[in-house]
């Protein structure tokens, strides 16, 4: 990749460090999109032994790039996201990928398409882990940062996404128990 092209691309995705999410950290500050992507990749790395037939490099790459569009659009919480928001994010991804060499852009676009289709084990795993990471973050954040709908969402969010895996279903159940304890301790 041409050095100038790389620098230009990196300058755009730097916004992922600046753009905050709805989620909060345990210290009571908004989490950045980049922090979420990094922690999602770490979560994937730690659970990959449970999924030995999956392409670990593909999973990690998907984790790192899955929110690239938010460098342009910013974060919209999943519970507020509309079809229009999704279309804007797809357009942002397309725009962002034009900054990359054509072969690289095609490869990343194929991964975005795969994630959107949710028809491969890797795409389903990334989607499930993405939801679980959000729940973990909510449980770690001060309860004062929760909005009313999160009291019920934290108990049910992501169940359909983890259903394909006994391991992820068990992990989701442990997270739900943590949510209940947090809510009861309020």
C-alpha atoms as a PDB file:
ATOM      1  CA  UNK A   1       0.000   0.000   0.000  1.00  0.00           C
ATOM      2  CA  UNK A   2       1.267   3.406  -0.936  1.00  0.00           C
ATOM      3  CA  UNK A   3       2.453   5.243   2.206  1.00  0.00           C
ATOM      4  CA  UNK A   4       0.368   8.365   1.457  1.00  0.00           C
ATOM      5  CA  UNK A   5      -2.727   6.225   0.872  1.00  0.00           C
ATOM      6  CA  UNK A   6      -2.133   4.451   4.178  1.00  0.00           C
ATOM      7  CA  UNK A   7      -1.714   7.755   6.040  1.00  0.00           C
ATOM      8  CA  UNK A   8      -4.915   9.122   4.493  1.00  0.00           C
ATOM      9  CA  UNK A   9      -6.902   6.034   5.449  1.00  0.00           C
ATOM     10  CA  UNK A  10      -5.512   6.011   8.979  1.00  0.00           C
ATOM     11  CA  UNK A  11      -6.472   9.682   9.393  1.00  0.00           C
ATOM     12  CA  UNK A  12     -10.091   8.836   8.584  1.00  0.00           C
ATOM     13  CA  UNK A  13     -10.366   5.830  10.872  1.00  0.00           C
ATOM     14  CA  UNK A  14      -8.659   7.814  13.649  1.00  0.00           C
ATOM     15  CA  UNK A  15     -12.162   9.185  14.197  1.00  0.00           C
ATOM     16  CA  UNK A  16     -13.031   5.783  15.699  1.00  0.00           C
ATOM     17  CA  UNK A  17     -10.889   6.850  18.669  1.00  0.00           C
ATOM     18  CA  UNK A  18     -12.773  10.149  18.898  1.00  0.00           C
ATOM     19  CA  UNK A  19     -16.341   9.000  18.223  1.00  0.00           C
ATOM     20  CA  UNK A  20     -17.981   7.832  21.402  1.00  0.00           C
ATOM     21  CA  UNK A  21     -20.585   5.148  21.848  1.00  0.00           C
ATOM     22  CA  UNK A  22     -23.653   4.995  23.992  1.00  0.00           C
ATOM     23  CA  UNK A  23     -21.725   2.640  26.294  1.00  0.00           C
ATOM     24  CA  UNK A  24     -19.763   3.838  29.290  1.00  0.00           C
ATOM     25  CA  UNK A  25     -16.573   2.532  30.855  1.00  0.00           C
ATOM     26  CA  UNK A  26     -16.261   1.396  34.452  1.00  0.00           C
ATOM     27  CA  UNK A  27     -14.752   4.796  35.299  1.00  0.00           C
ATOM     28  CA  UNK A  28     -17.860   6.610  34.090  1.00  0.00           C
ATOM     29  CA  UNK A  29     -16.721   8.023  30.748  1.00  0.00           C
ATOM     30  CA  UNK A  30     -18.102   7.293  27.293  1.00  0.00           C
ATOM     31  CA  UNK A  31     -16.354   4.476  25.473  1.00  0.00           C
ATOM     32  CA  UNK A  32     -14.936   5.158  22.016  1.00  0.00           C
ATOM     33  CA  UNK A  33     -15.816   3.052  18.988  1.00  0.00           C
ATOM     34  CA  UNK A  34     -12.156   2.043  18.732  1.00  0.00           C
ATOM     35  CA  UNK A  35     -12.144   0.777  22.313  1.00  0.00           C
ATOM     36  CA  UNK A  36     -15.211  -1.342  21.595  1.00  0.00           C
ATOM     37  CA  UNK A  37     -13.619  -2.819  18.441  1.00  0.00           C
ATOM     38  CA  UNK A  38     -10.393  -3.612  20.271  1.00  0.00           C
ATOM     39  CA  UNK A  39     -12.195  -5.304  23.143  1.00  0.00           C
ATOM     40  CA  UNK A  40     -14.419  -7.240  20.755  1.00  0.00           C
ATOM     41  CA  UNK A  41     -11.276  -8.558  19.063  1.00  0.00           C
ATOM     42  CA  UNK A  42      -9.817  -9.555  22.448  1.00  0.00           C
ATOM     43  CA  UNK A  43     -13.071 -11.321  23.342  1.00  0.00           C
ATOM     44  CA  UNK A  44     -12.947 -13.202  20.036  1.00  0.00           C
ATOM     45  CA  UNK A  45      -9.312 -14.110  20.593  1.00  0.00           C
ATOM     46  CA  UNK A  46     -10.131 -15.556  24.002  1.00  0.00           C
ATOM     47  CA  UNK A  47     -13.061 -17.682  22.836  1.00  0.00           C
ATOM     48  CA  UNK A  48     -11.601 -18.966  19.548  1.00  0.00           C
ATOM     49  CA  UNK A  49     -10.569 -22.274  21.119  1.00  0.00           C
ATOM     50  CA  UNK A  50     -14.300 -22.977  21.526  1.00  0.00           C
ATOM     51  CA  UNK A  51     -14.666 -22.665  17.735  1.00  0.00           C
ATOM     52  CA  UNK A  52     -11.755 -24.671  16.276  1.00  0.00           C
ATOM     53  CA  UNK A  53     -13.365 -25.065  12.848  1.00  0.00           C
ATOM     54  CA  UNK A  54     -13.642 -21.318  12.279  1.00  0.00           C
ATOM     55  CA  UNK A  55     -11.126 -19.098  10.522  1.00  0.00           C
ATOM     56  CA  UNK A  56      -9.677 -17.159  13.467  1.00  0.00           C
ATOM     57  CA  UNK A  57      -7.945 -14.579  11.275  1.00  0.00           C
ATOM     58  CA  UNK A  58     -11.214 -13.816   9.510  1.00  0.00           C
ATOM     59  CA  UNK A  59     -13.034 -13.485  12.831  1.00  0.00           C
ATOM     60  CA  UNK A  60     -10.413 -11.114  14.238  1.00  0.00           C
ATOM     61  CA  UNK A  61     -10.373  -9.056  11.048  1.00  0.00           C
ATOM     62  CA  UNK A  62     -14.168  -8.776  11.124  1.00  0.00           C
ATOM     63  CA  UNK A  63     -14.019  -7.652  14.754  1.00  0.00           C
ATOM     64  CA  UNK A  64     -11.504  -4.939  13.977  1.00  0.00           C
ATOM     65  CA  UNK A  65     -13.296  -3.576  10.902  1.00  0.00           C
ATOM     66  CA  UNK A  66     -16.970  -4.149  11.737  1.00  0.00           C
ATOM     67  CA  UNK A  67     -17.569  -0.532  12.825  1.00  0.00           C
ATOM     68  CA  UNK A  68     -15.341   1.232  10.267  1.00  0.00           C
ATOM     69  CA  UNK A  69     -18.368   3.097   8.926  1.00  0.00           C
ATOM     70  CA  UNK A  70     -18.791   4.780  12.296  1.00  0.00           C
ATOM     71  CA  UNK A  71     -15.634   6.784  11.601  1.00  0.00           C
ATOM     72  CA  UNK A  72     -17.911   8.768   9.288  1.00  0.00           C
ATOM     73  CA  UNK A  73     -21.410   8.285  10.711  1.00  0.00           C
ATOM     74  CA  UNK A  74     -20.667   8.145  14.421  1.00  0.00           C
ATOM     75  CA  UNK A  75     -22.317   5.568  16.651  1.00  0.00           C
ATOM     76  CA  UNK A  76     -26.041   4.925  16.733  1.00  0.00           C
ATOM     77  CA  UNK A  77     -27.047   2.586  19.584  1.00  0.00           C
ATOM     78  CA  UNK A  78     -28.473  -0.666  18.220  1.00  0.00           C
ATOM     79  CA  UNK A  79     -31.785  -0.077  19.969  1.00  0.00           C
ATOM     80  CA  UNK A  80     -32.181   3.244  18.107  1.00  0.00           C
ATOM     81  CA  UNK A  81     -30.765   2.153  14.718  1.00  0.00           C
ATOM     82  CA  UNK A  82     -33.131   2.385  11.748  1.00  0.00           C
ATOM     83  CA  UNK A  83     -32.873   1.086   8.178  1.00  0.00           C
ATOM     84  CA  UNK A  84     -31.837   4.612   7.170  1.00  0.00           C
ATOM     85  CA  UNK A  85     -28.976   4.547   9.694  1.00  0.00           C
ATOM     86  CA  UNK A  86     -27.883   1.158   8.343  1.00  0.00           C
ATOM     87  CA  UNK A  87     -27.942   2.471   4.761  1.00  0.00           C
ATOM     88  CA  UNK A  88     -25.899   5.529   5.797  1.00  0.00           C
ATOM     89  CA  UNK A  89     -23.344   3.277   7.455  1.00  0.00           C
ATOM     90  CA  UNK A  90     -23.134   1.053   4.352  1.00  0.00           C
ATOM     91  CA  UNK A  91     -22.536   4.154   2.220  1.00  0.00           C
ATOM     92  CA  UNK A  92     -19.871   5.326   4.664  1.00  0.00           C
ATOM     93  CA  UNK A  93     -18.113   1.960   4.397  1.00  0.00           C
ATOM     94  CA  UNK A  94     -18.226   2.136   0.611  1.00  0.00           C
ATOM     95  CA  UNK A  95     -16.803   5.676   0.740  1.00  0.00           C
ATOM     96  CA  UNK A  96     -14.092   4.672   3.197  1.00  0.00           C
ATOM     97  CA  UNK A  97     -13.031   1.646   1.166  1.00  0.00           C
ATOM     98  CA  UNK A  98     -12.380   3.854  -1.881  1.00  0.00           C
ATOM     99  CA  UNK A  99      -9.338   5.116   0.020  1.00  0.00           C
ATOM    100  CA  UNK A 100      -7.768   1.648  -0.103  1.00  0.00           C
ATOM    101  CA  UNK A 101      -6.066  -0.167  -2.987  1.00  0.00           C
ATOM    102  CA  UNK A 102      -8.719  -1.884  -5.146  1.00  0.00           C
ATOM    103  CA  UNK A 103      -7.854  -5.481  -4.171  1.00  0.00           C
ATOM    104  CA  UNK A 104      -7.833  -4.620  -0.481  1.00  0.00           C
ATOM    105  CA  UNK A 105     -11.094  -2.699  -0.814  1.00  0.00           C
ATOM    106  CA  UNK A 106     -12.735  -5.693  -2.546  1.00  0.00           C
ATOM    107  CA  UNK A 107     -11.527  -8.056   0.193  1.00  0.00           C
ATOM    108  CA  UNK A 108     -12.877  -5.850   2.967  1.00  0.00           C
ATOM    109  CA  UNK A 109     -16.139  -5.251   1.118  1.00  0.00           C
ATOM    110  CA  UNK A 110     -16.537  -9.027   0.840  1.00  0.00           C
ATOM    111  CA  UNK A 111     -16.113  -9.280   4.626  1.00  0.00           C
ATOM    112  CA  UNK A 112     -18.693  -6.527   5.201  1.00  0.00           C
ATOM    113  CA  UNK A 113     -21.093  -8.333   2.850  1.00  0.00           C
ATOM    114  CA  UNK A 114     -20.457 -11.602   4.690  1.00  0.00           C
ATOM    115  CA  UNK A 115     -21.146  -9.950   8.038  1.00  0.00           C
ATOM    116  CA  UNK A 116     -24.362  -8.410   6.713  1.00  0.00           C
ATOM    117  CA  UNK A 117     -25.595 -11.720   5.314  1.00  0.00           C
ATOM    118  CA  UNK A 118     -24.877 -13.629   8.561  1.00  0.00           C
ATOM    119  CA  UNK A 119     -24.630 -16.862   6.594  1.00  0.00           C
ATOM    120  CA  UNK A 120     -21.165 -17.998   7.664  1.00  0.00           C
ATOM    121  CA  UNK A 121     -20.135 -19.284  11.075  1.00  0.00           C
ATOM    122  CA  UNK A 122     -17.557 -16.503  11.364  1.00  0.00           C
ATOM    123  CA  UNK A 123     -20.097 -13.756  10.654  1.00  0.00           C
ATOM    124  CA  UNK A 124     -22.564 -15.231  13.161  1.00  0.00           C
ATOM    125  CA  UNK A 125     -19.823 -15.473  15.791  1.00  0.00           C
ATOM    126  CA  UNK A 126     -18.765 -11.846  15.327  1.00  0.00           C
ATOM    127  CA  UNK A 127     -22.385 -10.661  15.519  1.00  0.00           C
ATOM    128  CA  UNK A 128     -22.968 -12.639  18.722  1.00  0.00           C
ATOM    129  CA  UNK A 129     -19.731 -11.471  20.333  1.00  0.00           C
ATOM    130  CA  UNK A 130     -20.478  -7.874  19.341  1.00  0.00           C
ATOM    131  CA  UNK A 131     -23.727  -8.067  21.302  1.00  0.00           C
ATOM    132  CA  UNK A 132     -22.077  -9.811  24.251  1.00  0.00           C
ATOM    133  CA  UNK A 133     -19.298  -7.220  24.461  1.00  0.00           C
ATOM    134  CA  UNK A 134     -21.924  -4.483  24.700  1.00  0.00           C
ATOM    135  CA  UNK A 135     -23.615  -6.330  27.557  1.00  0.00           C
ATOM    136  CA  UNK A 136     -20.321  -6.826  29.360  1.00  0.00           C
ATOM    137  CA  UNK A 137     -19.610  -3.105  29.009  1.00  0.00           C
ATOM    138  CA  UNK A 138     -23.025  -2.189  30.375  1.00  0.00           C
ATOM    139  CA  UNK A 139     -22.544  -4.443  33.377  1.00  0.00           C
ATOM    140  CA  UNK A 140     -19.172  -2.855  34.091  1.00  0.00           C
ATOM    141  CA  UNK A 141     -20.451   0.714  33.765  1.00  0.00           C
ATOM    142  CA  UNK A 142     -22.043   2.538  36.671  1.00  0.00           C
ATOM    143  CA  UNK A 143     -25.755   1.811  36.874  1.00  0.00           C
ATOM    144  CA  UNK A 144     -26.339   5.570  36.846  1.00  0.00           C
ATOM    145  CA  UNK A 145     -25.332   5.537  33.151  1.00  0.00           C
ATOM    146  CA  UNK A 146     -28.109   3.118  32.183  1.00  0.00           C
ATOM    147  CA  UNK A 147     -31.224   4.442  30.501  1.00  0.00           C
ATOM    148  CA  UNK A 148     -34.592   2.870  31.464  1.00  0.00           C
ATOM    149  CA  UNK A 149     -34.840   0.475  28.501  1.00  0.00           C
ATOM    150  CA  UNK A 150     -31.455  -1.035  29.373  1.00  0.00           C
ATOM    151  CA  UNK A 151     -32.881  -2.597  32.510  1.00  0.00           C
ATOM    152  CA  UNK A 152     -34.860  -4.993  30.315  1.00  0.00           C
ATOM    153  CA  UNK A 153     -32.540  -5.067  27.284  1.00  0.00           C
ATOM    154  CA  UNK A 154     -29.595  -6.253  29.360  1.00  0.00           C
ATOM    155  CA  UNK A 155     -31.658  -9.295  30.340  1.00  0.00           C
ATOM    156  CA  UNK A 156     -32.648 -10.325  26.812  1.00  0.00           C
ATOM    157  CA  UNK A 157     -30.429  -8.582  24.223  1.00  0.00           C
ATOM    158  CA  UNK A 158     -28.473 -10.942  22.003  1.00  0.00           C
ATOM    159  CA  UNK A 159     -30.223 -14.184  22.910  1.00  0.00           C
ATOM    160  CA  UNK A 160     -31.141 -14.939  19.298  1.00  0.00           C
ATOM    161  CA  UNK A 161     -27.595 -14.219  18.137  1.00  0.00           C
ATOM    162  CA  UNK A 162     -25.977 -16.715  20.517  1.00  0.00           C
ATOM    163  CA  UNK A 163     -28.517 -19.518  20.019  1.00  0.00           C
ATOM    164  CA  UNK A 164     -26.310 -21.342  17.477  1.00  0.00           C
ATOM    165  CA  UNK A 165     -23.692 -22.121  20.146  1.00  0.00           C
ATOM    166  CA  UNK A 166     -24.030 -23.855  23.513  1.00  0.00           C
ATOM    167  CA  UNK A 167     -20.897 -22.053  24.684  1.00  0.00           C
ATOM    168  CA  UNK A 168     -22.189 -18.601  23.723  1.00  0.00           C
ATOM    169  CA  UNK A 169     -25.608 -19.393  25.187  1.00  0.00           C
ATOM    170  CA  UNK A 170     -23.930 -20.273  28.503  1.00  0.00           C
ATOM    171  CA  UNK A 171     -21.831 -17.097  28.343  1.00  0.00           C
ATOM    172  CA  UNK A 172     -24.950 -15.035  27.625  1.00  0.00           C
ATOM    173  CA  UNK A 173     -26.669 -16.617  30.622  1.00  0.00           C
ATOM    174  CA  UNK A 174     -23.768 -15.707  32.925  1.00  0.00           C
ATOM    175  CA  UNK A 175     -23.887 -12.132  31.652  1.00  0.00           C
ATOM    176  CA  UNK A 176     -27.657 -12.052  32.271  1.00  0.00           C
ATOM    177  CA  UNK A 177     -27.074 -13.197  35.856  1.00  0.00           C
ATOM    178  CA  UNK A 178     -24.536 -10.394  36.293  1.00  0.00           C
ATOM    179  CA  UNK A 179     -27.100  -7.919  34.941  1.00  0.00           C
ATOM    180  CA  UNK A 180     -29.711  -9.170  37.413  1.00  0.00           C
ATOM    181  CA  UNK A 181     -27.269  -8.834  40.322  1.00  0.00           C
ATOM    182  CA  UNK A 182     -26.359  -5.320  39.218  1.00  0.00           C
ATOM    183  CA  UNK A 183     -30.008  -4.281  38.932  1.00  0.00           C
ATOM    184  CA  UNK A 184     -30.946  -5.865  42.262  1.00  0.00           C
ATOM    185  CA  UNK A 185     -28.028  -4.128  43.964  1.00  0.00           C
ATOM    186  CA  UNK A 186     -29.295  -0.724  42.850  1.00  0.00           C
END
